[in-house]
């Protein structure tokens, strides 16, 4: 079984990047190069997130959560500032991970593809909540 931090890094964060990059580009009409700078990514990576080449399987799952949506909106608002506060950004990312665990969104991955045997045997979210 993969460690929880690997699953968060490989599935949750890419899904968050998709939603944030799409919002900044499609809704707020920022250029991909500016989005890349604000997100600490390359312009090519931003293009891949927006186009769906990168992003993970949790995009639709996280978009279905009211709490995660609120945190993502706050993250986007912070990134829209001329000088985003890195502490506020990091706090939002931590809050996103807490919400994902609390709402058991990682259960969407409990099909063996990330090293978890099955949803009926998975207690990852419960373990991470402690």
C-alpha atoms as a PDB file:
ATOM      1  CA  UNK A   1       0.000   0.000   0.000  1.00  0.00           C
ATOM      2  CA  UNK A   2       1.281   3.461  -0.854  1.00  0.00           C
ATOM      3  CA  UNK A   3       1.803   5.862   2.035  1.00  0.00           C
ATOM      4  CA  UNK A   4      -1.012   8.424   2.447  1.00  0.00           C
ATOM      5  CA  UNK A   5       1.302  11.335   1.622  1.00  0.00           C
ATOM      6  CA  UNK A   6       2.026   9.729  -1.763  1.00  0.00           C
ATOM      7  CA  UNK A   7      -1.679   9.471  -2.517  1.00  0.00           C
ATOM      8  CA  UNK A   8      -2.260  13.095  -1.553  1.00  0.00           C
ATOM      9  CA  UNK A   9       0.685  14.237  -3.699  1.00  0.00           C
ATOM     10  CA  UNK A  10      -0.243  12.076  -6.673  1.00  0.00           C
ATOM     11  CA  UNK A  11      -4.041  12.459  -6.628  1.00  0.00           C
ATOM     12  CA  UNK A  12      -5.366  15.294  -4.441  1.00  0.00           C
ATOM     13  CA  UNK A  13      -2.883  18.052  -5.272  1.00  0.00           C
ATOM     14  CA  UNK A  14      -3.065  17.503  -9.048  1.00  0.00           C
ATOM     15  CA  UNK A  15      -6.870  17.662  -8.890  1.00  0.00           C
ATOM     16  CA  UNK A  16      -6.642  20.903  -6.917  1.00  0.00           C
ATOM     17  CA  UNK A  17      -4.213  22.292  -9.494  1.00  0.00           C
ATOM     18  CA  UNK A  18      -6.671  21.484 -12.286  1.00  0.00           C
ATOM     19  CA  UNK A  19      -9.538  23.309 -10.603  1.00  0.00           C
ATOM     20  CA  UNK A  20      -7.440  26.322  -9.573  1.00  0.00           C
ATOM     21  CA  UNK A  21      -5.679  26.691 -12.940  1.00  0.00           C
ATOM     22  CA  UNK A  22      -8.951  26.387 -14.856  1.00  0.00           C
ATOM     23  CA  UNK A  23     -10.588  28.993 -12.642  1.00  0.00           C
ATOM     24  CA  UNK A  24      -7.718  31.440 -12.988  1.00  0.00           C
ATOM     25  CA  UNK A  25      -7.572  31.037 -16.775  1.00  0.00           C
ATOM     26  CA  UNK A  26     -11.182  30.426 -17.793  1.00  0.00           C
ATOM     27  CA  UNK A  27     -13.108  32.440 -15.217  1.00  0.00           C
ATOM     28  CA  UNK A  28     -10.633  35.171 -14.337  1.00  0.00           C
ATOM     29  CA  UNK A  29      -8.975  35.315 -17.782  1.00  0.00           C
ATOM     30  CA  UNK A  30      -5.369  35.243 -16.612  1.00  0.00           C
ATOM     31  CA  UNK A  31      -2.648  34.181 -19.046  1.00  0.00           C
ATOM     32  CA  UNK A  32      -1.172  30.701 -18.490  1.00  0.00           C
ATOM     33  CA  UNK A  33       2.274  32.212 -17.898  1.00  0.00           C
ATOM     34  CA  UNK A  34       0.939  34.373 -15.055  1.00  0.00           C
ATOM     35  CA  UNK A  35      -0.983  31.412 -13.610  1.00  0.00           C
ATOM     36  CA  UNK A  36       2.208  29.339 -13.774  1.00  0.00           C
ATOM     37  CA  UNK A  37       4.105  32.011 -11.883  1.00  0.00           C
ATOM     38  CA  UNK A  38       1.421  32.325  -9.213  1.00  0.00           C
ATOM     39  CA  UNK A  39       1.133  28.553  -8.777  1.00  0.00           C
ATOM     40  CA  UNK A  40       4.868  27.805  -8.883  1.00  0.00           C
ATOM     41  CA  UNK A  41       4.518  25.692 -12.025  1.00  0.00           C
ATOM     42  CA  UNK A  42       5.811  25.844 -15.575  1.00  0.00           C
ATOM     43  CA  UNK A  43       3.493  27.212 -18.274  1.00  0.00           C
ATOM     44  CA  UNK A  44       3.565  23.764 -19.915  1.00  0.00           C
ATOM     45  CA  UNK A  45       2.370  22.141 -16.680  1.00  0.00           C
ATOM     46  CA  UNK A  46      -0.466  24.659 -16.376  1.00  0.00           C
ATOM     47  CA  UNK A  47      -1.525  23.918 -19.954  1.00  0.00           C
ATOM     48  CA  UNK A  48      -1.508  20.195 -19.176  1.00  0.00           C
ATOM     49  CA  UNK A  49      -3.615  20.681 -16.039  1.00  0.00           C
ATOM     50  CA  UNK A  50      -6.145  22.858 -17.857  1.00  0.00           C
ATOM     51  CA  UNK A  51      -6.399  20.496 -20.834  1.00  0.00           C
ATOM     52  CA  UNK A  52      -6.794  17.425 -18.626  1.00  0.00           C
ATOM     53  CA  UNK A  53      -3.508  15.735 -19.515  1.00  0.00           C
ATOM     54  CA  UNK A  54      -2.553  16.017 -15.845  1.00  0.00           C
ATOM     55  CA  UNK A  55      -4.887  16.146 -12.946  1.00  0.00           C
ATOM     56  CA  UNK A  56      -5.826  12.927 -11.321  1.00  0.00           C
ATOM     57  CA  UNK A  57      -9.124  11.198 -10.887  1.00  0.00           C
ATOM     58  CA  UNK A  58     -10.461  13.332  -8.058  1.00  0.00           C
ATOM     59  CA  UNK A  59     -11.365  16.475 -10.030  1.00  0.00           C
ATOM     60  CA  UNK A  60     -15.062  15.665 -10.290  1.00  0.00           C
ATOM     61  CA  UNK A  61     -15.117  14.419  -6.701  1.00  0.00           C
ATOM     62  CA  UNK A  62     -13.612  17.573  -5.197  1.00  0.00           C
ATOM     63  CA  UNK A  63     -15.830  19.767  -7.361  1.00  0.00           C
ATOM     64  CA  UNK A  64     -18.849  18.069  -5.801  1.00  0.00           C
ATOM     65  CA  UNK A  65     -17.977  19.196  -2.287  1.00  0.00           C
ATOM     66  CA  UNK A  66     -19.368  22.469  -0.950  1.00  0.00           C
ATOM     67  CA  UNK A  67     -16.610  22.760   1.686  1.00  0.00           C
ATOM     68  CA  UNK A  68     -13.812  22.054  -0.784  1.00  0.00           C
ATOM     69  CA  UNK A  69     -15.410  24.528  -3.203  1.00  0.00           C
ATOM     70  CA  UNK A  70     -15.361  27.239  -0.558  1.00  0.00           C
ATOM     71  CA  UNK A  71     -11.697  26.607   0.233  1.00  0.00           C
ATOM     72  CA  UNK A  72     -10.805  26.509  -3.473  1.00  0.00           C
ATOM     73  CA  UNK A  73     -12.616  29.823  -4.004  1.00  0.00           C
ATOM     74  CA  UNK A  74     -10.572  31.354  -1.186  1.00  0.00           C
ATOM     75  CA  UNK A  75      -7.376  29.946  -2.656  1.00  0.00           C
ATOM     76  CA  UNK A  76      -8.196  31.384  -6.076  1.00  0.00           C
ATOM     77  CA  UNK A  77      -9.034  34.777  -4.536  1.00  0.00           C
ATOM     78  CA  UNK A  78      -5.679  34.804  -2.752  1.00  0.00           C
ATOM     79  CA  UNK A  79      -3.828  33.884  -5.948  1.00  0.00           C
ATOM     80  CA  UNK A  80      -5.583  36.707  -7.788  1.00  0.00           C
ATOM     81  CA  UNK A  81      -3.858  39.240  -5.539  1.00  0.00           C
ATOM     82  CA  UNK A  82      -0.803  41.013  -6.899  1.00  0.00           C
ATOM     83  CA  UNK A  83       1.247  39.580  -4.049  1.00  0.00           C
ATOM     84  CA  UNK A  84      -0.466  36.427  -2.728  1.00  0.00           C
ATOM     85  CA  UNK A  85       0.411  35.597   0.855  1.00  0.00           C
ATOM     86  CA  UNK A  86       2.234  32.258   0.797  1.00  0.00           C
ATOM     87  CA  UNK A  87       1.094  31.431   4.332  1.00  0.00           C
ATOM     88  CA  UNK A  88      -2.546  31.924   3.353  1.00  0.00           C
ATOM     89  CA  UNK A  89      -2.020  29.756   0.267  1.00  0.00           C
ATOM     90  CA  UNK A  90      -0.399  27.010   2.313  1.00  0.00           C
ATOM     91  CA  UNK A  91      -3.132  27.161   4.947  1.00  0.00           C
ATOM     92  CA  UNK A  92      -5.729  26.748   2.188  1.00  0.00           C
ATOM     93  CA  UNK A  93      -3.914  23.695   0.815  1.00  0.00           C
ATOM     94  CA  UNK A  94      -3.832  22.168   4.305  1.00  0.00           C
ATOM     95  CA  UNK A  95      -7.544  22.913   4.749  1.00  0.00           C
ATOM     96  CA  UNK A  96      -8.247  21.229   1.400  1.00  0.00           C
ATOM     97  CA  UNK A  97      -6.493  18.069   2.552  1.00  0.00           C
ATOM     98  CA  UNK A  98      -8.464  18.083   5.814  1.00  0.00           C
ATOM     99  CA  UNK A  99     -11.742  18.473   3.931  1.00  0.00           C
ATOM    100  CA  UNK A 100     -10.842  15.692   1.495  1.00  0.00           C
ATOM    101  CA  UNK A 101     -10.120  13.354   4.410  1.00  0.00           C
ATOM    102  CA  UNK A 102     -13.155  14.400   6.442  1.00  0.00           C
ATOM    103  CA  UNK A 103     -15.469  13.798   3.493  1.00  0.00           C
ATOM    104  CA  UNK A 104     -13.677  10.507   2.732  1.00  0.00           C
ATOM    105  CA  UNK A 105     -12.917  11.509  -0.825  1.00  0.00           C
ATOM    106  CA  UNK A 106      -9.884   9.262  -0.915  1.00  0.00           C
ATOM    107  CA  UNK A 107     -12.345   6.358  -0.857  1.00  0.00           C
ATOM    108  CA  UNK A 108     -12.862   7.093  -4.551  1.00  0.00           C
ATOM    109  CA  UNK A 109      -9.359   5.678  -5.021  1.00  0.00           C
ATOM    110  CA  UNK A 110      -9.926   2.473  -3.073  1.00  0.00           C
ATOM    111  CA  UNK A 111     -10.001   0.229  -6.096  1.00  0.00           C
ATOM    112  CA  UNK A 112      -6.447  -1.082  -5.990  1.00  0.00           C
ATOM    113  CA  UNK A 113      -5.042   1.457  -8.462  1.00  0.00           C
ATOM    114  CA  UNK A 114      -3.172   3.334  -5.743  1.00  0.00           C
ATOM    115  CA  UNK A 115      -2.223   0.357  -3.648  1.00  0.00           C
ATOM    116  CA  UNK A 116      -5.341   0.152  -1.493  1.00  0.00           C
ATOM    117  CA  UNK A 117      -7.080  -3.218  -1.474  1.00  0.00           C
ATOM    118  CA  UNK A 118     -10.717  -2.087  -1.575  1.00  0.00           C
ATOM    119  CA  UNK A 119     -13.124   0.447  -0.151  1.00  0.00           C
ATOM    120  CA  UNK A 120     -14.492  -2.073   2.326  1.00  0.00           C
ATOM    121  CA  UNK A 121     -10.985  -2.609   3.751  1.00  0.00           C
ATOM    122  CA  UNK A 122      -9.762   0.980   3.614  1.00  0.00           C
ATOM    123  CA  UNK A 123      -9.450   3.107   6.728  1.00  0.00           C
ATOM    124  CA  UNK A 124      -7.021   5.633   5.267  1.00  0.00           C
ATOM    125  CA  UNK A 125      -9.250   8.672   5.774  1.00  0.00           C
ATOM    126  CA  UNK A 126      -9.974   7.657   9.351  1.00  0.00           C
ATOM    127  CA  UNK A 127      -6.277   7.162  10.055  1.00  0.00           C
ATOM    128  CA  UNK A 128      -5.373  10.510   8.512  1.00  0.00           C
ATOM    129  CA  UNK A 129      -8.047  12.344  10.499  1.00  0.00           C
ATOM    130  CA  UNK A 130      -6.376  11.639  13.783  1.00  0.00           C
END
